[in-house]
């Protein structure tokens, strides 16, 4: 820490990219993700963590993150070049001095680190890359993720806590496989380098405990590290997104040796995983020795994984292949060690009804189970927490046999049962279901990230400091929506009518509007020109608890509590500009004169919709007023599309930048009184008008949000309990969308199951 503080306190601690590299970077990006890892599938053959980072990079890139990959413990130099579509730039820590403009202080630190301090060297290099990105993109939201392994994030986490990386940066650490657990899993309780072991373990623990975001994949490993003394109360459970295995083409061409395996007449019995003690190799081989010769004659044993040097006492100097040969002799087996993860999965998928063994004595959240669990293969699985959690996640139960971890006889018995039942028929998870699981996990990840970025912001008054980058304000509005409201109130609002906000929650839209109003040089009378309505009552069904995870408000309120005091505290710097209307807007109504801007985040039911139309729409100013529907592209409020289609002659969509789920309309001419005073319901609209309404909404919605409109249409038929029509619309929508576009459809499926016991996939 002293070394780091000496850097921080120096006047010359800034790190940047060298000019030749900087010239290849874009001048501005909206948000950036720096992923730091020792493994990445596609560059290395590793699965596991490498697959985790490949999948994470793809998901982040699909959400418009500018993804940069930093590889540790790699001597390969990339110079920022990438051939991976999801990754814009790849660097390795070994090229730190080649691509970064380091100060003498940084060079001195690196030069002092000896060979035995390579973990520190890697950790400092990762920090310097993080600093270079932060200085290159100072106004960009920056997400940095490390595994806890080796404490690679140690120096970066320290720097973040010391405010070196800026407030628009979030550092996350995910629990994968630290030193203490690896030693236990290998049954190794002595250390050849104890000082290094305990120092590295400390780095891992500190990184996990002090990161802005700490994720654990499985409860199994969380409970393990708690026994080692780690603090985990702040940690968030987040299983990772995984690749959905596509069925292989029958015409795929394999290498000759692999094709021979596919063509085998015998039953393929597959050991799938790194060929090492921790993955259960010894248990597997001993179980094979227990099988009778008539059983052995039926099978061809396939070892599919990386060849490694063995660490067990008495076996040093032997590698996996040598040991297997020593144990199995002339038995019928094949070892395949040179495939990338996806190639290995494809091979298993092509084998004739393979029996796959997953034999680790301990596992965190193994990709092997997520991958093999999707395939029509029989599974023999070690009954340990990590495997249970992964297979439960994807709801794989058919064709699975559990055995007692490290119990040779239990494993042999499971093998005999699987071979005797061969070939088996059973169901595997549907592809659509797997995509929904993935989307749900992705939604949760972005919710956690959103809250973490919120936590980095300081008090509300900091928003007045224009020298600071504009930060997201806690709420259910996006940064795009907040900037739109601020810009409108500053540059377009004339002051002719009032600004009315229906549904303000903790004030993200209020503060955005009031910041703009305060900066508006054309409006002189600003006192209480913003009117904020909300019932200010906590409601779990409105997604409130999920929206404050990771903030000081987490756990503060229970259903029925008032959060008015919190709202008033947040808007306090501008209280003279805001008139707050607590209570039911249907009862309070409006008698304050003309409305120039109506921001609606309260059309949550037909009752509220009718009240807003009757009580607020009559005060809109033709050719002037702006109506902004915050829930326009939300899946639940399907009635908004019916109403806005019915009123399309009077409320016309305007051209504006992408503002997430919101859509803005100009009030162009008075709405006839009979339309204003009508009491609308689903019955007010014919089938033809319903179809036309959603077609209209699709036309006026940015392509990126059109899947949300399709989800709202499905939800419409769920609301009216026409479940067969909902299933049909759901099937048609998923057929035309990429699975990365299913976010809101996944939520609709969840609601249909939870509240109506309807499976839209059936």
Foldseek 3Di string as FASTA:
>chain_A
DVLLVVLVPDPANAKAWPPVLLVVDDQAAAAAEEEEEQAAFPVDQDPAVNQLVPVVLQLVVVVRHAYEYEHEPDCDAFSQDDPRVSHRGYGYLNCLVVTMDGDPSLVVVLVPQDPLRSLVSLLSSVLSVLSRVCVSHVQHQYEYEDELEQLSPLSVLVCVVVCSSHLSYFYEYEYFAYLVRVCVLLVHDDDPDVVSRVVSNVSSLCCQQRGLAYEAAFVQVVVVVVVVVHDPPQYDYFHGAGDQDDQDDPPDDDDPVLVVQQVDPAAEEEEDEALAVQQPNVLVLLLVVPDDPVLLVRYAYEYEEAKDQYDDPPRGPDIRVRVSCVRQPPRHYYYDHPHRPSVSLNSVLSHDQHEYERAGLEGRQDVVLLSVLQHNHAYEYEPYRNNVVNCVLLVRDPNYHYFHHSDSNRSSVVSVVPSVCPPDDDDGRDSLSSLLSSLVSSVLVVLSVLLSSQQSDDALVVCLPPVHRHGQHQDPFDPLQLQVLLCCLQPPDQPPAAAEEEDQALNSSVSSNLNNVVNHPRDDPQFARYEYEDQQFDDVVVVVLSSNRSHPCRPVDDGGDGPVVSSCRRCVVPNRRHHYDHRDCLVVADDPAAHQEYEDPDLQDLSVVLSCLQRPLQRYDAPGHKYKYQQQLAQQNLVVLLLCLVCCVQWPWDDDPDRDRMTMTHGHDRDDPVSSNDRDDPVVDDPVSSVVSLVVSLVRHPPLSNLSSLSNSLNVCVVVPVNVVSLVSLVVSVVPDDSSSCNNVSVSQVCCCPPVVDHSVD
